[in-house]
Amino acid sequence: MSNTDSATPTLYVAEFIDGPLEGQIDSRALVRGKHEARISMVAAVAGLESVFWYDEVDQRDVSGQLRVRYAFDQGESDPVDAEVDPI
């Protein structure tokens, strides 16, 4: 019996176009050959872990690599305190 699944997952690049993770990228595994339309990311903000939700905007192929752009869903994410304490 042969297994047609590869032991190495196929990856894609998630690009965060706005929100707290703006400008960052993340390498993610395709699930059943597809990328996720909605993803959550955990990041530290002011020393506290926060969960941020992002939704797919579009996708494209760059030199044979799938790249998916995601936009920040502020309403579903943990609040981000934008105030900075003066020194």
Protein backbone atom coordinates (compact mmCIF):
# COMPACT_ATOMS: atom_id res chain seq x y z
CA MET A 1 0.00 0.00 0.00
CA SER A 2 1.50 3.33 -1.01
CA ASN A 3 1.00 6.63 0.70
CA THR A 4 0.45 9.54 -1.70
CA ASP A 5 0.87 12.16 1.05
CA SER A 6 4.29 13.73 1.36
CA ALA A 7 5.99 13.62 4.77
CA THR A 8 6.91 17.29 4.34
CA PRO A 9 3.94 19.68 4.46
CA THR A 10 3.49 22.13 1.63
CA LEU A 11 3.97 25.65 2.93
CA TYR A 12 2.65 29.07 2.03
CA VAL A 13 3.59 32.56 3.19
CA ALA A 14 1.07 34.65 5.17
CA GLU A 15 1.61 38.41 4.86
CA PHE A 16 0.00 40.73 7.43
CA ILE A 17 -0.92 44.02 5.75
CA ASP A 18 -2.21 45.97 8.76
CA GLY A 19 -2.94 45.82 12.47
CA PRO A 20 -0.44 44.93 15.19
CA LEU A 21 1.46 42.51 12.93
CA GLU A 22 1.66 44.87 9.94
CA GLY A 23 4.65 44.11 7.72
CA GLN A 24 5.34 40.70 9.25
CA ILE A 25 5.23 37.38 7.41
CA ASP A 26 4.71 33.83 8.65
CA SER A 27 5.37 30.49 6.98
CA ARG A 28 2.32 28.24 7.40
CA ALA A 29 1.37 24.71 6.33
CA LEU A 30 -1.38 24.08 3.82
CA VAL A 31 -4.17 21.94 5.28
CA ARG A 32 -5.52 19.39 2.79
CA GLY A 33 -3.80 21.41 0.06
CA LYS A 34 -5.48 24.72 0.99
CA HIS A 35 -4.52 27.83 2.91
CA GLU A 36 -6.67 29.17 5.72
CA ALA A 37 -9.11 31.98 4.92
CA ARG A 38 -9.04 33.16 8.56
CA ILE A 39 -6.14 32.80 10.96
CA SER A 40 -5.34 33.75 14.53
CA MET A 41 -1.96 34.87 15.75
CA VAL A 42 -0.71 35.22 19.31
CA ALA A 43 1.68 38.08 20.03
CA ALA A 44 2.94 39.91 23.11
CA VAL A 45 1.72 43.48 23.46
CA ALA A 46 3.03 45.46 26.45
CA GLY A 47 4.17 42.16 27.97
CA LEU A 48 0.76 40.47 27.70
CA GLU A 49 -0.18 37.75 25.21
CA SER A 50 -2.93 38.88 22.86
CA VAL A 51 -4.87 37.00 20.16
CA PHE A 52 -5.25 38.74 16.82
CA TRP A 53 -7.58 37.54 14.03
CA TYR A 54 -6.79 38.10 10.37
CA ASP A 55 -8.91 37.48 7.25
CA GLU A 56 -7.70 36.68 3.74
CA VAL A 57 -7.62 39.60 1.32
CA ASP A 58 -6.08 37.93 -1.72
CA GLN A 59 -3.54 35.36 -2.86
CA ARG A 60 -0.88 35.20 -5.53
CA ASP A 61 1.93 33.02 -6.81
CA VAL A 62 5.43 34.48 -6.46
CA SER A 63 8.09 32.37 -8.18
CA GLY A 64 6.14 29.18 -7.49
CA GLN A 65 5.38 30.03 -3.86
CA LEU A 66 1.84 30.76 -2.66
CA ARG A 67 1.59 34.08 -0.80
CA VAL A 68 -1.64 35.08 0.95
CA ARG A 69 -2.30 38.59 2.27
CA TYR A 70 -4.34 38.98 5.47
CA ALA A 71 -6.13 42.02 6.95
CA PHE A 72 -6.62 42.65 10.68
CA ASP A 73 -10.08 41.99 12.18
CA GLN A 74 -10.04 44.49 15.05
CA GLY A 75 -13.56 43.64 16.24
CA GLU A 76 -12.74 39.97 16.89
CA SER A 77 -9.21 40.51 18.23
CA ASP A 78 -8.01 41.31 21.73
CA PRO A 79 -7.87 45.08 22.30
CA VAL A 80 -4.58 46.81 21.68
CA ASP A 81 -3.78 49.75 23.96
CA ALA A 82 -2.32 52.35 21.62
CA GLU A 83 -1.43 54.77 24.42
CA VAL A 84 2.23 55.09 25.28
CA ASP A 85 3.21 56.12 28.79
CA PRO A 86 5.52 59.15 28.88
CA ILE A 87 8.98 58.58 30.30
